[in-house]
């Protein structure tokens, strides 16, 4: 595709990706407000990611151009990363929640050989 058509299609696909995340996910502030490692937030984030990648892939296949997939894919990865970090953050300490430390489990690594 020519750049005059490819870039607007990529931006429209990125807008679709943004809309999918807005519809499927709560706001980042809401995600930070719940307990860390919330299973429902994690499932919603994975669902939004798969739907966004599917839509971006479909548009790219229909347009026979990889630019919409690249632009929308980068946006989806960024949105997923920000929601995953917000889901791992403890709302009282604002630190990444360590499930193993909270549960009191210890893991040791032993040298082989």
Protein backbone atom coordinates (compact mmCIF):
# COMPACT_ATOMS: atom_id res chain seq x y z
CA UNK A 1 0.00 0.00 0.00
CA UNK A 2 1.07 3.57 -0.52
CA UNK A 3 2.04 5.60 2.52
CA UNK A 4 -0.89 7.98 1.93
CA UNK A 5 -3.26 5.09 2.57
CA UNK A 6 -1.18 2.88 4.85
CA UNK A 7 -0.65 5.42 7.63
CA UNK A 8 -4.33 6.40 8.03
CA UNK A 9 -5.33 2.72 8.02
CA UNK A 10 -2.68 2.03 10.70
CA UNK A 11 -3.94 4.93 12.81
CA UNK A 12 -7.54 3.77 12.45
CA UNK A 13 -6.52 0.26 13.48
CA UNK A 14 -4.67 1.71 16.48
CA UNK A 15 -7.86 3.59 17.39
CA UNK A 16 -9.73 0.26 17.26
CA UNK A 17 -7.10 -1.24 19.55
CA UNK A 18 -7.48 1.66 21.98
CA UNK A 19 -11.25 1.21 21.90
CA UNK A 20 -10.99 -2.50 22.60
CA UNK A 21 -8.91 -1.80 25.70
CA UNK A 22 -11.27 0.95 26.83
CA UNK A 23 -14.24 -1.40 26.53
CA UNK A 24 -12.63 -4.53 27.95
CA UNK A 25 -10.49 -3.13 30.78
CA UNK A 26 -11.09 -0.94 33.80
CA UNK A 27 -8.99 2.20 34.09
CA UNK A 28 -5.42 1.93 35.35
CA UNK A 29 -6.44 3.73 38.55
CA UNK A 30 -9.13 1.13 39.18
CA UNK A 31 -6.69 -1.70 38.50
CA UNK A 32 -4.23 -0.22 40.99
CA UNK A 33 -7.01 0.03 43.58
CA UNK A 34 -7.79 -3.68 43.75
CA UNK A 35 -5.65 -6.32 45.43
CA UNK A 36 -2.45 -7.24 43.56
CA UNK A 37 -2.50 -10.09 41.03
CA UNK A 38 -6.27 -10.00 40.59
CA UNK A 39 -7.26 -12.97 38.41
CA UNK A 40 -10.24 -11.18 36.84
CA UNK A 41 -8.09 -8.23 35.73
CA UNK A 42 -5.50 -10.62 34.30
CA UNK A 43 -8.15 -12.51 32.32
CA UNK A 44 -9.66 -9.28 31.00
CA UNK A 45 -6.21 -8.05 29.96
CA UNK A 46 -5.42 -11.26 28.09
CA UNK A 47 -8.82 -11.16 26.39
CA UNK A 48 -8.29 -7.55 25.31
CA UNK A 49 -4.82 -8.37 24.01
CA UNK A 50 -5.98 -11.36 21.94
CA UNK A 51 -8.93 -9.43 20.53
CA UNK A 52 -6.77 -6.43 19.64
CA UNK A 53 -4.14 -8.60 17.98
CA UNK A 54 -6.84 -10.48 16.07
CA UNK A 55 -8.42 -7.27 14.80
CA UNK A 56 -5.03 -5.82 13.84
CA UNK A 57 -4.08 -9.04 12.07
CA UNK A 58 -7.38 -9.12 10.21
CA UNK A 59 -7.05 -5.54 9.05
CA UNK A 60 -3.46 -6.18 7.97
CA UNK A 61 -4.49 -9.24 5.99
CA UNK A 62 -7.35 -7.39 4.31
CA UNK A 63 -5.13 -4.40 3.52
CA UNK A 64 -2.20 -6.65 2.48
CA UNK A 65 0.09 -4.36 4.48
CA UNK A 66 2.02 -4.97 7.69
CA UNK A 67 2.05 -1.35 8.92
CA UNK A 68 -1.39 -1.52 10.65
CA UNK A 69 -0.34 -4.69 12.46
CA UNK A 70 2.95 -3.19 13.61
CA UNK A 71 1.43 0.06 14.86
CA UNK A 72 -1.54 -1.59 16.56
CA UNK A 73 0.61 -4.40 17.92
CA UNK A 74 2.99 -1.96 19.56
CA UNK A 75 0.06 -0.08 21.08
CA UNK A 76 -1.49 -3.34 22.34
CA UNK A 77 1.81 -4.44 23.90
CA UNK A 78 2.17 -1.06 25.62
CA UNK A 79 -1.39 -1.10 26.95
CA UNK A 80 -1.05 -4.69 28.14
CA UNK A 81 2.25 -3.93 29.84
CA UNK A 82 0.82 -0.93 31.67
CA UNK A 83 -2.21 -2.92 32.85
CA UNK A 84 -0.05 -5.86 33.97
CA UNK A 85 2.22 -3.57 35.98
CA UNK A 86 -0.82 -1.88 37.53
CA UNK A 87 -2.23 -5.31 38.40
CA UNK A 88 1.03 -6.31 40.12
CA UNK A 89 1.31 -3.07 42.13
CA UNK A 90 0.24 -3.04 45.77
CA UNK A 91 -2.09 -0.08 46.25
CA UNK A 92 -0.87 0.76 49.77
CA UNK A 93 2.89 0.62 49.25
CA UNK A 94 2.93 1.39 45.48
CA UNK A 95 5.49 -1.38 45.01
CA UNK A 96 5.38 -4.43 42.81
CA UNK A 97 3.69 -7.21 44.75
CA UNK A 98 5.82 -10.28 45.36
CA UNK A 99 3.45 -13.21 45.81
CA UNK A 100 6.18 -15.58 47.02
CA UNK A 101 7.36 -13.14 49.68
CA UNK A 102 3.77 -12.60 50.82
CA UNK A 103 3.05 -16.31 51.08
CA UNK A 104 6.33 -16.97 52.86
CA UNK A 105 7.64 -19.37 50.23
CA UNK A 106 11.36 -19.53 49.62
CA UNK A 107 13.09 -20.89 46.58
CA UNK A 108 16.77 -21.76 46.42
CA UNK A 109 18.94 -22.21 43.39
CA UNK A 110 21.63 -24.83 43.66
CA UNK A 111 24.73 -25.05 41.53
CA UNK A 112 24.91 -28.08 39.28
CA UNK A 113 28.11 -30.05 39.04
